Amino acid sequence: MEGTVMKDAAAEDIAARLSSLEGLYFPRAVQSTTASSDQRKSILLDLLRRYPAIFLERYGSQLSLDELLAFDALKHDYEVDWHLKNLRKKISPTSEELKSRSVAVRNRRLAHLNKLVSEGQYFSEDAIRDREPYLHHEYVGKFQDSMSRNMARPGERWSETLMRRAEEAALVSRIREEQQRLGVAECDWVSNENMEESEEESEQEEVETEEEEEKQTGASSSLAEAGGAENKQGTVLPPEEMQEMMEQFTSIMQQKFLSGEDHEHLDYTKIDNDENLDDHWLREVGLDAEEKYFGDD
C-alpha cells in the first residue's frame, strides 16, 4: 500500500549518519561486528527496515526533526506513531509541555534530593565543605577550631594524617583565593599558620615508632578537644547557634542542587529523565490521600 514504506534514500541517509557517531549503542550480540562504519550502517539499516519502532526507541533521541519526518510513512504502526509523538514533544515542545516538563524535573530533583539526604553522604558537612569551602567558612568554619582539623585522629595511620592535612591545605588555599577575589580585608583572611605549625610537628613525629605514634594520637585528640573552646577569630558560638548556622548552610547547598548548580558533581540529565523518581511522588500523593481520608473520619 502506498505511503506505508519509508523511502530507501531517507533510510540510507539516516543509517549512514548514525553509523559515523562515536559511542553509539549497539547490543552486545552484534558488537563484534561493528568495527567499521559500513558494518554499523548495515546493522542500523536492517533494524530500521525490519523493526522501525525498536529503531526509534533505541536511536530516536539521535534524530533530527527532518529525519523524523521520514518515519511519517510508517505512522499507521501504533508503536511508531507513539515514539514519533514522544520524540517530537522533546525536540519541539509546546508551552504547555514545557511547563509540564519543568514541574516533572523539579519533582524528580526533589525526590533525588530526599534520597541523597537519607543516604547521609552527599550533604554531610565534610562533603559540602569540600564542594563550597568559602561558603562553609562564612557560615560555619570561621566559628570552628581550625587547629583541630590538622590534629591526628584516634586510630588514624600517619600516612592518612599527612594526606588529610594536604587536603585541608588545599581547601584553605581555595578559601583564601575566594576572599582575595571578593576583596575581603587581609586581616580577615583565613590563616594557614596552624597548618604550618602542624607540618613542623609532623617532621619530628614521622621518625617515631608506631607505639609512640599511637600515644601522640591520643594526646593530639585531647589537645584538639581543648582547643575547640576558642578558634582563630576568637569567636565562639553557643551550640544552638552553631546548629542553626549549619542548617542554613545545608539549606543553601540543597537549593543549589535543585537549581542545577551541582553539574560538576552530578549528572542532571540522568536525574531529570529518571522516570523511576516519579514513583516517589505517587507514594507521597497516596499517603496524603490516605491521611486526608482518615482525618475526615
Protein backbone atom coordinates (compact mmCIF):
# COMPACT_ATOMS: atom_id res chain seq x y z
CA MET A 1 0.00 0.00 0.00
CA GLU A 2 1.33 3.44 -0.97
CA GLY A 3 2.73 5.57 1.82
CA THR A 4 3.42 2.69 4.16
CA VAL A 5 7.14 2.23 3.44
CA MET A 6 9.97 4.65 4.18
CA LYS A 7 11.89 5.86 1.16
CA ASP A 8 15.14 3.96 0.62
CA ALA A 9 17.16 7.15 0.22
CA ALA A 10 15.95 8.52 3.58
CA ALA A 11 16.68 5.23 5.36
CA GLU A 12 20.16 5.10 3.80
CA ASP A 13 20.96 8.68 4.86
CA ILE A 14 19.78 8.13 8.45
CA ALA A 15 21.74 4.89 8.85
CA ALA A 16 24.85 6.43 7.27
CA ARG A 17 24.84 9.45 9.60
CA LEU A 18 24.26 7.41 12.75
CA SER A 19 26.99 4.92 11.78
CA SER A 20 29.54 7.77 11.95
CA LEU A 21 28.66 8.77 15.54
CA GLU A 22 31.18 7.95 18.25
CA GLY A 23 29.98 5.75 21.09
CA LEU A 24 26.65 4.83 19.51
CA TYR A 25 24.97 1.99 21.40
CA PHE A 26 24.84 -1.49 19.89
CA PRO A 27 23.58 -4.65 21.64
CA ARG A 28 26.32 -6.93 22.93
CA ALA A 29 25.29 -9.66 20.49
CA VAL A 30 26.39 -7.57 17.48
CA GLN A 31 29.22 -5.52 18.99
CA SER A 32 31.86 -7.81 17.48
CA THR A 33 30.62 -6.84 14.01
CA THR A 34 30.61 -3.06 14.46
CA ALA A 35 34.28 -2.34 13.82
CA SER A 36 33.77 -0.42 10.56
CA SER A 37 31.31 2.31 9.58
CA ASP A 38 29.91 0.12 6.80
CA GLN A 39 29.19 -2.71 9.26
CA ARG A 40 27.43 -0.32 11.63
CA LYS A 41 25.41 1.15 8.77
CA SER A 42 24.31 -2.32 7.65
CA ILE A 43 23.13 -3.24 11.16
CA LEU A 44 21.27 0.05 11.59
CA LEU A 45 19.62 -0.18 8.18
CA ASP A 46 18.46 -3.75 8.81
CA LEU A 47 16.93 -2.78 12.17
CA LEU A 48 15.26 0.33 10.71
CA ARG A 49 13.59 -1.62 7.91
CA ARG A 50 12.55 -4.66 9.95
CA TYR A 51 11.70 -3.11 13.32
CA PRO A 52 11.23 0.67 12.97
CA ALA A 53 9.60 1.02 16.42
CA ILE A 54 12.63 -0.58 18.11
CA PHE A 55 14.90 1.61 15.99
CA LEU A 56 13.10 4.75 17.22
CA GLU A 57 13.16 3.56 20.82
CA ARG A 58 16.90 2.91 20.63
CA TYR A 59 18.11 5.74 18.40
CA GLY A 60 15.24 8.22 18.19
CA SER A 61 16.94 10.71 20.51
CA GLN A 62 19.77 10.98 17.95
CA LEU A 63 17.44 12.00 15.12
CA SER A 64 16.54 15.49 13.94
CA LEU A 65 13.02 16.73 13.17
CA ASP A 66 13.69 16.40 9.45
CA GLU A 67 14.80 12.80 9.91
CA LEU A 68 11.71 12.01 11.96
CA LEU A 69 9.58 13.23 9.03
CA ALA A 70 10.78 10.22 7.04
CA PHE A 71 9.06 7.94 9.56
CA ASP A 72 5.64 9.52 8.93
CA ALA A 73 5.16 6.94 6.19
CA LEU A 74 5.04 4.34 8.99
CA LYS A 75 2.60 6.16 11.30
CA HIS A 76 -0.03 3.51 10.71
CA ASP A 77 2.03 1.40 13.14
CA TYR A 78 0.80 2.32 16.64
CA GLU A 79 4.24 1.94 18.29
CA VAL A 80 5.97 4.01 15.61
CA ASP A 81 3.33 6.72 15.94
CA TRP A 82 3.73 6.77 19.74
CA HIS A 83 7.51 7.13 19.51
CA LEU A 84 7.23 9.88 16.90
CA LYS A 85 4.85 11.94 19.06
CA ASN A 86 7.02 11.45 22.13
CA LEU A 87 10.25 12.38 20.32
CA ARG A 88 8.70 15.48 18.73
CA LYS A 89 7.49 16.65 22.13
CA LYS A 90 11.06 16.50 23.42
CA ILE A 91 12.59 18.21 20.38
CA SER A 92 9.94 20.91 19.87
CA PRO A 93 7.60 21.03 22.89
CA THR A 94 4.59 23.34 23.23
CA SER A 95 4.45 25.91 26.04
CA GLU A 96 2.15 23.60 27.99
CA GLU A 97 4.53 20.68 27.51
CA LEU A 98 7.44 22.85 28.64
CA LYS A 99 5.54 23.77 31.80
CA SER A 100 4.70 20.12 32.49
CA ARG A 101 8.31 19.14 31.87
CA SER A 102 9.54 21.83 34.27
CA VAL A 103 7.27 20.50 37.03
CA ALA A 104 8.40 16.92 36.38
CA VAL A 105 12.08 17.93 36.54
CA ARG A 106 11.56 19.87 39.77
CA ASN A 107 9.79 16.91 41.38
CA ARG A 108 12.44 14.45 40.24
CA ARG A 109 15.20 16.61 41.66
CA LEU A 110 13.31 16.88 44.94
CA ALA A 111 12.92 13.10 45.02
CA HIS A 112 16.64 12.65 44.32
CA LEU A 113 17.44 15.25 47.00
CA ASN A 114 15.44 13.24 49.55
CA LYS A 115 17.38 10.14 48.52
CA LEU A 116 20.74 11.91 48.94
CA VAL A 117 19.71 13.27 52.35
CA SER A 118 18.63 9.81 53.55
CA GLU A 119 21.93 8.28 52.38
CA GLY A 120 23.76 10.84 54.50
CA GLN A 121 26.94 11.34 52.48
CA TYR A 122 26.37 13.98 49.79
CA PHE A 123 25.09 16.62 52.24
CA SER A 124 27.40 15.72 55.12
CA GLU A 125 29.45 18.64 56.44
CA ASP A 126 32.74 17.30 55.05
CA ALA A 127 31.22 16.73 51.59
CA ILE A 128 29.58 20.15 51.25
CA ARG A 129 32.66 21.88 52.68
CA ASP A 130 34.72 20.18 50.00
CA ARG A 131 32.35 21.47 47.30
CA GLU A 132 31.95 25.01 48.71
CA PRO A 133 34.82 25.72 51.15
CA TYR A 134 34.38 29.51 51.16
CA LEU A 135 30.64 29.36 51.79
CA HIS A 136 31.22 26.85 54.58
CA HIS A 137 33.84 29.16 56.09
CA GLU A 138 31.46 32.12 56.11
CA TYR A 139 28.57 30.23 57.70
CA VAL A 140 30.32 27.73 59.94
CA GLY A 141 34.09 27.37 59.52
CA LYS A 142 35.18 30.71 60.99
CA PHE A 143 33.39 29.79 64.21
CA GLN A 144 35.10 26.40 64.47
CA ASP A 145 38.51 25.46 65.87
CA SER A 146 40.74 25.31 62.77
CA MET A 147 43.62 23.68 64.69
CA SER A 148 41.62 20.52 65.33
CA ARG A 149 41.32 19.81 61.60
CA ASN A 150 45.08 19.16 61.43
CA MET A 151 45.39 17.01 64.54
CA ALA A 152 45.98 13.28 64.21
CA ARG A 153 42.81 11.31 64.90
CA PRO A 154 42.46 8.18 67.04
CA GLY A 155 43.22 5.06 65.03
CA GLU A 156 44.43 7.07 62.01
CA ARG A 157 47.61 5.96 60.23
CA TRP A 158 50.35 8.52 59.83
CA SER A 159 50.07 8.49 56.03
CA GLU A 160 46.34 9.19 56.36
CA THR A 161 47.03 12.15 58.64
CA LEU A 162 49.50 13.61 56.14
CA MET A 163 47.06 13.16 53.27
CA ARG A 164 44.24 14.79 55.22
CA ARG A 165 46.49 17.73 56.11
CA ALA A 166 47.39 18.20 52.44
CA GLU A 167 43.69 18.17 51.52
CA GLU A 168 43.00 20.70 54.28
CA ALA A 169 45.78 22.97 52.99
CA ALA A 170 44.22 22.86 49.52
CA LEU A 171 40.79 23.81 50.93
CA VAL A 172 42.25 26.69 52.93
CA SER A 173 44.01 27.90 49.77
CA ARG A 174 40.69 27.86 47.88
CA ILE A 175 39.02 29.85 50.69
CA ARG A 176 41.78 32.45 50.65
CA GLU A 177 41.67 32.77 46.85
CA GLU A 178 37.94 33.48 47.03
CA GLN A 179 38.49 36.01 49.83
CA GLN A 180 41.08 37.79 47.69
CA ARG A 181 38.79 37.73 44.65
CA LEU A 182 35.94 39.26 46.66
CA GLY A 183 38.18 41.95 48.15
CA VAL A 184 37.99 40.72 51.75
CA ALA A 185 40.30 42.69 54.04
CA GLU A 186 43.63 40.88 54.51
CA CYS A 187 43.22 40.89 58.28
CA ASP A 188 40.14 38.69 57.82
CA TRP A 189 41.78 36.12 55.53
CA VAL A 190 41.70 32.54 56.68
CA SER A 191 45.10 31.69 58.20
CA ASN A 192 47.47 28.88 57.31
CA GLU A 193 49.59 29.34 60.43
CA ASN A 194 48.07 26.38 62.24
CA MET A 195 48.85 24.08 59.35
CA GLU A 196 52.43 25.28 59.14
CA GLU A 197 52.84 24.53 62.85
CA SER A 198 51.34 21.08 62.33
CA GLU A 199 53.74 20.39 59.45
CA GLU A 200 56.73 21.30 61.64
CA GLU A 201 55.49 18.89 64.28
CA SER A 202 54.97 16.19 61.65
CA GLU A 203 58.66 16.21 60.68
CA GLN A 204 59.53 15.20 64.22
CA GLU A 205 56.70 12.70 64.63
CA GLU A 206 57.48 10.93 61.35
CA VAL A 207 60.64 9.32 62.70
CA GLU A 208 58.96 7.94 65.83
CA THR A 209 57.82 4.35 66.27
CA GLU A 210 54.28 3.06 65.77
CA GLU A 211 53.87 2.76 69.51
CA GLU A 212 54.91 6.35 70.12
CA GLU A 213 52.65 7.46 67.28
CA GLU A 214 49.63 5.90 68.96
CA LYS A 215 50.44 7.73 72.20
CA GLN A 216 50.71 11.03 70.37
CA THR A 217 47.46 10.33 68.55
CA GLY A 218 45.66 10.17 71.88
CA ALA A 219 47.43 13.31 73.09
CA SER A 220 46.59 15.14 69.88
CA SER A 221 42.94 14.25 70.27
CA SER A 222 42.87 15.67 73.79
CA LEU A 223 44.57 18.83 72.57
CA ALA A 224 42.04 19.18 69.76
CA GLU A 225 39.17 18.95 72.24
CA ALA A 226 40.77 21.54 74.49
CA GLY A 227 41.49 23.84 71.56
CA GLY A 228 37.89 23.62 70.37
CA ALA A 229 36.79 26.10 73.01
CA GLU A 230 38.30 29.02 71.07
CA ASN A 231 39.17 29.41 67.40
CA LYS A 232 41.47 31.66 65.41
CA GLN A 233 38.97 34.50 65.22
CA GLY A 234 38.27 34.30 68.95
CA THR A 235 34.53 33.99 68.29
CA VAL A 236 32.71 31.08 69.87
CA LEU A 237 29.01 30.49 69.21
CA PRO A 238 26.70 28.54 71.53
CA PRO A 239 25.89 25.02 70.22
CA GLU A 240 22.33 26.05 69.35
CA GLU A 241 23.53 28.93 67.15
CA MET A 242 26.19 26.74 65.51
CA GLN A 243 23.48 24.21 64.70
CA GLU A 244 21.29 26.94 63.22
CA MET A 245 24.15 28.24 61.06
CA MET A 246 24.89 24.72 59.85
CA GLU A 247 21.22 24.18 58.95
CA GLN A 248 21.19 27.47 56.99
CA PHE A 249 24.32 26.45 55.11
CA THR A 250 22.93 22.98 54.35
CA SER A 251 19.67 24.52 53.12
CA ILE A 252 21.62 26.79 50.73
CA MET A 253 23.54 23.79 49.39
CA GLN A 254 20.30 21.90 48.83
CA GLN A 255 18.83 24.82 46.92
CA LYS A 256 21.97 24.97 44.78
CA PHE A 257 21.43 21.30 43.95
CA LEU A 258 17.78 21.89 43.00
CA SER A 259 18.67 24.85 40.77
CA GLY A 260 21.20 22.77 38.82
CA GLU A 261 24.41 24.30 40.17
CA ASP A 262 25.94 20.93 41.11
CA HIS A 263 26.54 19.90 37.50
CA GLU A 264 30.25 19.37 38.22
CA HIS A 265 29.38 16.67 40.75
CA LEU A 266 26.14 15.12 39.41
CA ASP A 267 24.62 14.12 36.08
CA TYR A 268 21.45 16.24 35.91
CA THR A 269 20.43 14.73 32.57
CA LYS A 270 20.20 11.32 34.21
CA ILE A 271 18.27 12.69 37.21
CA ASP A 272 15.87 14.84 35.17
CA ASN A 273 14.99 11.95 32.85
CA ASP A 274 14.68 9.28 35.54
CA GLU A 275 11.01 8.30 35.44
CA ASN A 276 11.57 5.98 38.41
CA LEU A 277 11.81 9.09 40.59
CA ASP A 278 8.15 9.82 39.76
CA ASP A 279 7.24 6.85 41.97
CA HIS A 280 8.33 8.91 44.97
CA TRP A 281 5.60 11.48 44.31
CA LEU A 282 2.99 8.84 43.59
CA ARG A 283 3.69 7.41 47.05
CA GLU A 284 3.52 10.92 48.56
CA VAL A 285 0.16 11.58 46.89
CA GLY A 286 -1.11 8.22 48.12
CA LEU A 287 -0.03 8.95 51.69
CA ASP A 288 -1.59 12.42 51.59
CA ALA A 289 -4.88 10.98 50.32
CA GLU A 290 -4.80 8.28 52.99
CA GLU A 291 -4.15 10.82 55.77
CA LYS A 292 -6.95 13.04 54.46
CA TYR A 293 -9.34 10.06 54.34
CA PHE A 294 -8.68 9.01 57.92
CA GLY A 295 -8.53 12.65 59.03
CA ASP A 296 -12.05 13.21 57.71
CA ASP A 297 -13.28 10.24 59.75
